[in-house]
């Protein structure tokens, strides 16, 4: 199989005091391969409320492909492709926000709650090359 032009993909979400941590973790798992390790860090909010930060860094090519296949399920995937120039930074990072509530229902939608940050491979490390590589990876031409 061909390489995937991403160094890694980070996924992160917060679980607030009013949320069930198992449900929030399940929402994050919607985008990850089975049995993928999720880091859990507990913190305290400004008013003493509990906040759990769930995060996962995906680095292996097969696991990266899995995450990308989930992103392809977006109902507005074509629109996302058109926005790549705005979603890839000069530091060759790709950002996307995903709907945590929809993810809990095993649906892939854009919205608040989950953050995806991916470091795109680009040689030379220029935004234009990163946008092209991200586009090719997302449409499956990696």
C-alpha atoms as a PDB file:
ATOM      1  CA  UNK A   1       0.000   0.000   0.000  1.00  0.00           C
ATOM      2  CA  UNK A   2       1.088   3.549  -0.666  1.00  0.00           C
ATOM      3  CA  UNK A   3       2.281   5.850   2.100  1.00  0.00           C
ATOM      4  CA  UNK A   4      -0.044   8.288   3.766  1.00  0.00           C
ATOM      5  CA  UNK A   5       1.243  11.888   3.598  1.00  0.00           C
ATOM      6  CA  UNK A   6       0.606  12.662   7.276  1.00  0.00           C
ATOM      7  CA  UNK A   7       3.171  12.531  10.071  1.00  0.00           C
ATOM      8  CA  UNK A   8       0.342  12.068  12.567  1.00  0.00           C
ATOM      9  CA  UNK A   9      -3.273  12.894  13.345  1.00  0.00           C
ATOM     10  CA  UNK A  10      -4.223  14.131  16.821  1.00  0.00           C
ATOM     11  CA  UNK A  11      -7.796  13.803  18.034  1.00  0.00           C
ATOM     12  CA  UNK A  12      -8.912  15.513  21.247  1.00  0.00           C
ATOM     13  CA  UNK A  13     -12.078  16.207  23.172  1.00  0.00           C
ATOM     14  CA  UNK A  14     -13.081  17.457  26.603  1.00  0.00           C
ATOM     15  CA  UNK A  15     -15.486  15.766  28.982  1.00  0.00           C
ATOM     16  CA  UNK A  16     -17.152  18.247  31.311  1.00  0.00           C
ATOM     17  CA  UNK A  17     -18.711  17.607  34.719  1.00  0.00           C
ATOM     18  CA  UNK A  18     -22.182  17.337  33.175  1.00  0.00           C
ATOM     19  CA  UNK A  19     -21.130  14.673  30.653  1.00  0.00           C
ATOM     20  CA  UNK A  20     -20.661  10.927  31.014  1.00  0.00           C
ATOM     21  CA  UNK A  21     -16.978  10.140  30.441  1.00  0.00           C
ATOM     22  CA  UNK A  22     -17.722   6.740  28.877  1.00  0.00           C
ATOM     23  CA  UNK A  23     -20.008   8.360  26.313  1.00  0.00           C
ATOM     24  CA  UNK A  24     -17.454  11.057  25.491  1.00  0.00           C
ATOM     25  CA  UNK A  25     -14.739   8.422  25.081  1.00  0.00           C
ATOM     26  CA  UNK A  26     -17.100   6.426  22.832  1.00  0.00           C
ATOM     27  CA  UNK A  27     -17.595   9.527  20.677  1.00  0.00           C
ATOM     28  CA  UNK A  28     -13.824   9.851  20.200  1.00  0.00           C
ATOM     29  CA  UNK A  29     -13.549   6.132  19.382  1.00  0.00           C
ATOM     30  CA  UNK A  30     -15.877   6.683  16.412  1.00  0.00           C
ATOM     31  CA  UNK A  31     -12.844   7.992  14.524  1.00  0.00           C
ATOM     32  CA  UNK A  32     -10.254   5.499  15.788  1.00  0.00           C
ATOM     33  CA  UNK A  33      -9.387   1.898  14.937  1.00  0.00           C
ATOM     34  CA  UNK A  34     -10.660  -0.781  17.342  1.00  0.00           C
ATOM     35  CA  UNK A  35      -8.769  -1.042  20.619  1.00  0.00           C
ATOM     36  CA  UNK A  36      -6.775   2.129  19.915  1.00  0.00           C
ATOM     37  CA  UNK A  37      -5.197   3.608  23.054  1.00  0.00           C
ATOM     38  CA  UNK A  38      -6.735   6.855  24.274  1.00  0.00           C
ATOM     39  CA  UNK A  39      -4.944   9.088  26.760  1.00  0.00           C
ATOM     40  CA  UNK A  40      -7.021  10.421  29.628  1.00  0.00           C
ATOM     41  CA  UNK A  41      -5.954  13.430  31.678  1.00  0.00           C
ATOM     42  CA  UNK A  42      -8.049  14.805  34.514  1.00  0.00           C
ATOM     43  CA  UNK A  43      -8.047  18.499  35.259  1.00  0.00           C
ATOM     44  CA  UNK A  44     -10.053  21.050  37.175  1.00  0.00           C
ATOM     45  CA  UNK A  45     -11.963  23.930  35.633  1.00  0.00           C
ATOM     46  CA  UNK A  46     -11.989  27.519  36.863  1.00  0.00           C
ATOM     47  CA  UNK A  47     -14.872  26.854  39.266  1.00  0.00           C
ATOM     48  CA  UNK A  48     -13.479  23.563  40.587  1.00  0.00           C
ATOM     49  CA  UNK A  49     -15.442  21.395  38.162  1.00  0.00           C
ATOM     50  CA  UNK A  50     -13.939  18.207  36.789  1.00  0.00           C
ATOM     51  CA  UNK A  51     -12.694  18.216  33.188  1.00  0.00           C
ATOM     52  CA  UNK A  52     -11.296  15.120  31.509  1.00  0.00           C
ATOM     53  CA  UNK A  53      -9.228  15.566  28.362  1.00  0.00           C
ATOM     54  CA  UNK A  54      -9.337  12.560  26.032  1.00  0.00           C
ATOM     55  CA  UNK A  55      -6.715  12.489  23.286  1.00  0.00           C
ATOM     56  CA  UNK A  56      -5.165  10.106  20.800  1.00  0.00           C
ATOM     57  CA  UNK A  57      -2.230  10.445  18.431  1.00  0.00           C
ATOM     58  CA  UNK A  58      -2.470   8.282  15.325  1.00  0.00           C
ATOM     59  CA  UNK A  59       0.877   7.635  13.605  1.00  0.00           C
ATOM     60  CA  UNK A  60       0.821   4.221  11.896  1.00  0.00           C
ATOM     61  CA  UNK A  61      -0.149   4.265   8.211  1.00  0.00           C
ATOM     62  CA  UNK A  62      -3.029   1.765   8.560  1.00  0.00           C
ATOM     63  CA  UNK A  63      -4.429   3.698  11.520  1.00  0.00           C
ATOM     64  CA  UNK A  64      -4.107   6.986   9.609  1.00  0.00           C
ATOM     65  CA  UNK A  65      -6.032   5.414   6.724  1.00  0.00           C
ATOM     66  CA  UNK A  66      -8.775   4.406   9.147  1.00  0.00           C
ATOM     67  CA  UNK A  67      -9.191   7.980  10.433  1.00  0.00           C
ATOM     68  CA  UNK A  68      -9.177   9.340   6.866  1.00  0.00           C
ATOM     69  CA  UNK A  69     -11.841   6.826   5.837  1.00  0.00           C
ATOM     70  CA  UNK A  70     -14.066   8.157   8.632  1.00  0.00           C
ATOM     71  CA  UNK A  71     -13.524  11.749   7.437  1.00  0.00           C
ATOM     72  CA  UNK A  72     -14.640  10.678   3.955  1.00  0.00           C
ATOM     73  CA  UNK A  73     -18.045   9.842   5.493  1.00  0.00           C
ATOM     74  CA  UNK A  74     -18.774  13.530   6.102  1.00  0.00           C
ATOM     75  CA  UNK A  75     -22.013  14.504   4.344  1.00  0.00           C
ATOM     76  CA  UNK A  76     -20.313  17.714   3.193  1.00  0.00           C
ATOM     77  CA  UNK A  77     -17.021  16.050   2.249  1.00  0.00           C
ATOM     78  CA  UNK A  78     -16.819  17.833  -1.124  1.00  0.00           C
ATOM     79  CA  UNK A  79     -17.226  21.166   0.644  1.00  0.00           C
ATOM     80  CA  UNK A  80     -14.397  20.216   3.016  1.00  0.00           C
ATOM     81  CA  UNK A  81     -12.127  19.559   0.035  1.00  0.00           C
ATOM     82  CA  UNK A  82     -12.921  23.016  -1.322  1.00  0.00           C
ATOM     83  CA  UNK A  83     -11.958  24.546   2.047  1.00  0.00           C
ATOM     84  CA  UNK A  84      -8.545  22.872   2.333  1.00  0.00           C
ATOM     85  CA  UNK A  85      -6.666  26.054   1.523  1.00  0.00           C
ATOM     86  CA  UNK A  86      -8.274  27.625   4.610  1.00  0.00           C
ATOM     87  CA  UNK A  87      -7.884  24.521   6.778  1.00  0.00           C
ATOM     88  CA  UNK A  88      -4.163  23.931   6.177  1.00  0.00           C
ATOM     89  CA  UNK A  89      -1.798  26.358   7.889  1.00  0.00           C
ATOM     90  CA  UNK A  90       1.548  27.732   6.749  1.00  0.00           C
ATOM     91  CA  UNK A  91       3.060  25.200   9.205  1.00  0.00           C
ATOM     92  CA  UNK A  92       1.471  22.378   7.138  1.00  0.00           C
ATOM     93  CA  UNK A  93      -1.132  21.522   9.782  1.00  0.00           C
ATOM     94  CA  UNK A  94      -4.683  20.526   8.864  1.00  0.00           C
ATOM     95  CA  UNK A  95      -7.485  21.376  11.318  1.00  0.00           C
ATOM     96  CA  UNK A  96     -11.055  20.117  11.485  1.00  0.00           C
ATOM     97  CA  UNK A  97     -13.771  20.267  14.142  1.00  0.00           C
ATOM     98  CA  UNK A  98     -16.125  17.321  14.467  1.00  0.00           C
ATOM     99  CA  UNK A  99     -19.488  17.035  16.194  1.00  0.00           C
ATOM    100  CA  UNK A 100     -19.114  15.169  19.501  1.00  0.00           C
ATOM    101  CA  UNK A 101     -22.857  14.473  19.880  1.00  0.00           C
ATOM    102  CA  UNK A 102     -23.113  13.029  16.359  1.00  0.00           C
ATOM    103  CA  UNK A 103     -19.967  10.956  16.938  1.00  0.00           C
ATOM    104  CA  UNK A 104     -21.561   9.375  20.000  1.00  0.00           C
ATOM    105  CA  UNK A 105     -24.367   8.234  17.671  1.00  0.00           C
ATOM    106  CA  UNK A 106     -21.628   6.848  15.370  1.00  0.00           C
ATOM    107  CA  UNK A 107     -22.306   9.588  12.814  1.00  0.00           C
ATOM    108  CA  UNK A 108     -19.587  11.684  11.197  1.00  0.00           C
ATOM    109  CA  UNK A 109     -20.478  15.375  11.035  1.00  0.00           C
ATOM    110  CA  UNK A 110     -18.653  18.659  11.356  1.00  0.00           C
ATOM    111  CA  UNK A 111     -19.417  20.664  14.451  1.00  0.00           C
ATOM    112  CA  UNK A 112     -18.288  21.380  17.992  1.00  0.00           C
ATOM    113  CA  UNK A 113     -16.713  19.064  20.489  1.00  0.00           C
ATOM    114  CA  UNK A 114     -13.916  17.092  18.819  1.00  0.00           C
ATOM    115  CA  UNK A 115     -10.763  18.602  17.374  1.00  0.00           C
ATOM    116  CA  UNK A 116      -8.708  16.934  14.664  1.00  0.00           C
ATOM    117  CA  UNK A 117      -5.214  18.306  14.011  1.00  0.00           C
ATOM    118  CA  UNK A 118      -3.007  16.594  11.446  1.00  0.00           C
ATOM    119  CA  UNK A 119       0.575  17.322  10.484  1.00  0.00           C
ATOM    120  CA  UNK A 120       0.754  17.038   6.714  1.00  0.00           C
ATOM    121  CA  UNK A 121       3.958  15.851   5.064  1.00  0.00           C
ATOM    122  CA  UNK A 122       5.203  18.337   2.511  1.00  0.00           C
ATOM    123  CA  UNK A 123       8.642  18.594   0.940  1.00  0.00           C
ATOM    124  CA  UNK A 124       9.483  21.391   0.817  1.00  0.00           C
ATOM    125  CA  UNK A 125       7.374  22.321   3.843  1.00  0.00           C
ATOM    126  CA  UNK A 126       5.134  24.788   2.022  1.00  0.00           C
ATOM    127  CA  UNK A 127       1.425  25.311   2.434  1.00  0.00           C
ATOM    128  CA  UNK A 128       0.678  24.685  -1.249  1.00  0.00           C
ATOM    129  CA  UNK A 129       2.363  21.267  -1.167  1.00  0.00           C
ATOM    130  CA  UNK A 130       0.604  20.418   2.105  1.00  0.00           C
ATOM    131  CA  UNK A 131      -2.814  21.340   0.670  1.00  0.00           C
ATOM    132  CA  UNK A 132      -2.185  19.114  -2.348  1.00  0.00           C
ATOM    133  CA  UNK A 133      -0.976  16.202  -0.186  1.00  0.00           C
ATOM    134  CA  UNK A 134      -3.933  16.553   2.194  1.00  0.00           C
ATOM    135  CA  UNK A 135      -6.341  16.617  -0.753  1.00  0.00           C
ATOM    136  CA  UNK A 136      -4.795  13.489  -2.283  1.00  0.00           C
ATOM    137  CA  UNK A 137      -4.887  11.643   1.040  1.00  0.00           C
ATOM    138  CA  UNK A 138      -8.479  12.625   1.753  1.00  0.00           C
ATOM    139  CA  UNK A 139      -9.799  11.564  -1.637  1.00  0.00           C
ATOM    140  CA  UNK A 140      -7.920   8.292  -1.339  1.00  0.00           C
ATOM    141  CA  UNK A 141      -5.204   8.831  -3.940  1.00  0.00           C
ATOM    142  CA  UNK A 142      -2.411   8.415  -1.432  1.00  0.00           C
END
